[in-house]
């Protein structure tokens, strides 16, 4: 997929892109991917309340691997941070990363050409 991914116009914070351009044939796939990331965020927060760091680490690892492939390298970076914070059982840092992920998902604007 990475050969078909467009460029993102990134704001001051690298996790706050304004626009990501992708090929039209990816629209359905990318839309589902972003919807799943919203759902993942809710599951991650619930897992933190239950101290399920293994689940958070696994989701972070998956996000690290998938983000760039779908055209969102910032999500890959965030996934790596989630994975490491979960491994270290750093609750406060995980809260910060969850907030960053939420801001990112709200601010991303995907355009297809």
C-alpha atoms as a PDB file:
ATOM      1  CA  UNK A   1       0.000   0.000   0.000  1.00  0.00           C
ATOM      2  CA  UNK A   2       2.781   2.438   0.777  1.00  0.00           C
ATOM      3  CA  UNK A   3       3.419   3.116  -2.915  1.00  0.00           C
ATOM      4  CA  UNK A   4      -0.108   4.454  -3.297  1.00  0.00           C
ATOM      5  CA  UNK A   5      -0.100   6.751  -0.312  1.00  0.00           C
ATOM      6  CA  UNK A   6      -0.119  10.499  -0.731  1.00  0.00           C
ATOM      7  CA  UNK A   7       1.525  13.146   1.380  1.00  0.00           C
ATOM      8  CA  UNK A   8       0.175  14.814   4.480  1.00  0.00           C
ATOM      9  CA  UNK A   9       0.291  18.490   5.190  1.00  0.00           C
ATOM     10  CA  UNK A  10       1.369  18.556   8.806  1.00  0.00           C
ATOM     11  CA  UNK A  11       0.699  21.369  11.269  1.00  0.00           C
ATOM     12  CA  UNK A  12       3.064  22.472  14.035  1.00  0.00           C
ATOM     13  CA  UNK A  13       2.542  19.267  16.024  1.00  0.00           C
ATOM     14  CA  UNK A  14       3.489  16.238  13.934  1.00  0.00           C
ATOM     15  CA  UNK A  15       0.476  14.388  15.322  1.00  0.00           C
ATOM     16  CA  UNK A  16      -1.957  17.051  14.114  1.00  0.00           C
ATOM     17  CA  UNK A  17      -2.121  16.839  10.325  1.00  0.00           C
ATOM     18  CA  UNK A  18      -4.632  18.964   8.525  1.00  0.00           C
ATOM     19  CA  UNK A  19      -4.975  17.038   5.266  1.00  0.00           C
ATOM     20  CA  UNK A  20      -3.829  13.649   4.019  1.00  0.00           C
ATOM     21  CA  UNK A  21      -4.227  12.937   0.304  1.00  0.00           C
ATOM     22  CA  UNK A  22      -4.772   9.320  -0.752  1.00  0.00           C
ATOM     23  CA  UNK A  23      -5.835   7.559  -3.903  1.00  0.00           C
ATOM     24  CA  UNK A  24      -9.589   7.268  -4.490  1.00  0.00           C
ATOM     25  CA  UNK A  25      -9.483   3.454  -4.613  1.00  0.00           C
ATOM     26  CA  UNK A  26      -8.463   3.436  -0.929  1.00  0.00           C
ATOM     27  CA  UNK A  27     -11.472   5.432   0.276  1.00  0.00           C
ATOM     28  CA  UNK A  28     -13.569   2.568   1.632  1.00  0.00           C
ATOM     29  CA  UNK A  29     -10.615   0.794   3.226  1.00  0.00           C
ATOM     30  CA  UNK A  30      -9.230   3.930   4.869  1.00  0.00           C
ATOM     31  CA  UNK A  31     -12.652   5.017   6.111  1.00  0.00           C
ATOM     32  CA  UNK A  32     -13.099   1.649   7.851  1.00  0.00           C
ATOM     33  CA  UNK A  33      -9.564   1.821   9.247  1.00  0.00           C
ATOM     34  CA  UNK A  34     -10.160   5.245  10.824  1.00  0.00           C
ATOM     35  CA  UNK A  35     -13.511   4.131  12.243  1.00  0.00           C
ATOM     36  CA  UNK A  36     -11.787   1.148  13.853  1.00  0.00           C
ATOM     37  CA  UNK A  37      -9.148   3.420  15.369  1.00  0.00           C
ATOM     38  CA  UNK A  38     -11.919   5.463  17.023  1.00  0.00           C
ATOM     39  CA  UNK A  39     -13.349   2.240  18.476  1.00  0.00           C
ATOM     40  CA  UNK A  40      -9.858   1.128  19.524  1.00  0.00           C
ATOM     41  CA  UNK A  41      -9.448   4.346  21.474  1.00  0.00           C
ATOM     42  CA  UNK A  42     -12.488   3.524  23.598  1.00  0.00           C
ATOM     43  CA  UNK A  43     -11.242  -0.025  24.171  1.00  0.00           C
ATOM     44  CA  UNK A  44      -7.798   1.288  25.098  1.00  0.00           C
ATOM     45  CA  UNK A  45      -9.250   3.587  27.736  1.00  0.00           C
ATOM     46  CA  UNK A  46     -11.316   0.743  29.178  1.00  0.00           C
ATOM     47  CA  UNK A  47      -8.239  -1.501  29.204  1.00  0.00           C
ATOM     48  CA  UNK A  48      -6.293   1.115  31.143  1.00  0.00           C
ATOM     49  CA  UNK A  49      -9.006   1.219  33.794  1.00  0.00           C
ATOM     50  CA  UNK A  50      -8.641  -2.552  34.122  1.00  0.00           C
ATOM     51  CA  UNK A  51      -4.816  -2.329  34.041  1.00  0.00           C
ATOM     52  CA  UNK A  52      -4.797  -4.563  30.945  1.00  0.00           C
ATOM     53  CA  UNK A  53      -1.390  -3.417  29.735  1.00  0.00           C
ATOM     54  CA  UNK A  54      -0.954  -6.464  27.506  1.00  0.00           C
ATOM     55  CA  UNK A  55      -3.998  -5.454  25.458  1.00  0.00           C
ATOM     56  CA  UNK A  56      -2.743  -1.862  25.184  1.00  0.00           C
ATOM     57  CA  UNK A  57       0.694  -3.069  24.131  1.00  0.00           C
ATOM     58  CA  UNK A  58      -0.827  -5.323  21.452  1.00  0.00           C
ATOM     59  CA  UNK A  59      -3.038  -2.545  20.052  1.00  0.00           C
ATOM     60  CA  UNK A  60      -0.064  -0.168  20.063  1.00  0.00           C
ATOM     61  CA  UNK A  61       2.017  -2.724  18.198  1.00  0.00           C
ATOM     62  CA  UNK A  62      -0.725  -3.215  15.599  1.00  0.00           C
ATOM     63  CA  UNK A  63      -1.127   0.539  15.176  1.00  0.00           C
ATOM     64  CA  UNK A  64       2.629   0.932  14.777  1.00  0.00           C
ATOM     65  CA  UNK A  65       2.556  -1.556  11.936  1.00  0.00           C
ATOM     66  CA  UNK A  66      -0.612  -0.406  10.182  1.00  0.00           C
ATOM     67  CA  UNK A  67      -0.540   3.376  10.459  1.00  0.00           C
ATOM     68  CA  UNK A  68       2.062   4.068   7.814  1.00  0.00           C
ATOM     69  CA  UNK A  69       0.626   1.477   5.444  1.00  0.00           C
ATOM     70  CA  UNK A  70      -2.681   3.300   5.470  1.00  0.00           C
ATOM     71  CA  UNK A  71      -1.049   6.690   4.918  1.00  0.00           C
ATOM     72  CA  UNK A  72      -0.820   7.846   8.522  1.00  0.00           C
ATOM     73  CA  UNK A  73       2.820   7.663   9.633  1.00  0.00           C
ATOM     74  CA  UNK A  74       1.948   9.759  12.681  1.00  0.00           C
ATOM     75  CA  UNK A  75      -0.273   6.910  13.900  1.00  0.00           C
ATOM     76  CA  UNK A  76       2.657   4.509  13.528  1.00  0.00           C
ATOM     77  CA  UNK A  77       4.766   6.758  15.749  1.00  0.00           C
ATOM     78  CA  UNK A  78       1.950   6.979  18.270  1.00  0.00           C
ATOM     79  CA  UNK A  79       1.485   3.197  18.177  1.00  0.00           C
ATOM     80  CA  UNK A  80       5.148   2.730  19.085  1.00  0.00           C
ATOM     81  CA  UNK A  81       4.739   5.151  21.995  1.00  0.00           C
ATOM     82  CA  UNK A  82       1.641   3.281  23.216  1.00  0.00           C
ATOM     83  CA  UNK A  83       3.476  -0.025  23.009  1.00  0.00           C
ATOM     84  CA  UNK A  84       6.432   1.225  25.040  1.00  0.00           C
ATOM     85  CA  UNK A  85       4.313   3.010  27.653  1.00  0.00           C
ATOM     86  CA  UNK A  86       2.169  -0.110  28.111  1.00  0.00           C
ATOM     87  CA  UNK A  87       5.255  -2.267  28.471  1.00  0.00           C
ATOM     88  CA  UNK A  88       6.450   0.105  31.202  1.00  0.00           C
ATOM     89  CA  UNK A  89       2.966   0.254  32.781  1.00  0.00           C
ATOM     90  CA  UNK A  90       3.054   4.051  32.620  1.00  0.00           C
ATOM     91  CA  UNK A  91      -0.590   4.961  33.227  1.00  0.00           C
ATOM     92  CA  UNK A  92      -0.160   8.738  33.125  1.00  0.00           C
ATOM     93  CA  UNK A  93       1.817   8.596  29.897  1.00  0.00           C
ATOM     94  CA  UNK A  94      -0.787   6.320  28.347  1.00  0.00           C
ATOM     95  CA  UNK A  95      -3.461   8.891  29.217  1.00  0.00           C
ATOM     96  CA  UNK A  96      -1.402  11.528  27.414  1.00  0.00           C
ATOM     97  CA  UNK A  97      -1.014   9.280  24.362  1.00  0.00           C
ATOM     98  CA  UNK A  98      -4.740   8.502  24.321  1.00  0.00           C
ATOM     99  CA  UNK A  99      -5.514  12.231  24.345  1.00  0.00           C
ATOM    100  CA  UNK A 100      -3.042  12.750  21.498  1.00  0.00           C
ATOM    101  CA  UNK A 101      -4.661   9.959  19.501  1.00  0.00           C
ATOM    102  CA  UNK A 102      -8.101  11.450  20.084  1.00  0.00           C
ATOM    103  CA  UNK A 103      -6.937  14.900  18.897  1.00  0.00           C
ATOM    104  CA  UNK A 104      -5.280  13.379  15.858  1.00  0.00           C
ATOM    105  CA  UNK A 105      -8.354  11.379  14.845  1.00  0.00           C
ATOM    106  CA  UNK A 106     -10.564  14.456  15.238  1.00  0.00           C
ATOM    107  CA  UNK A 107      -8.296  16.731  13.215  1.00  0.00           C
ATOM    108  CA  UNK A 108      -7.364  14.462  10.354  1.00  0.00           C
ATOM    109  CA  UNK A 109      -8.973  15.324   7.054  1.00  0.00           C
ATOM    110  CA  UNK A 110      -8.581  12.668   4.384  1.00  0.00           C
ATOM    111  CA  UNK A 111      -8.989  13.706   0.770  1.00  0.00           C
ATOM    112  CA  UNK A 112      -9.068  11.278  -2.121  1.00  0.00           C
ATOM    113  CA  UNK A 113      -7.921  11.954  -5.655  1.00  0.00           C
END
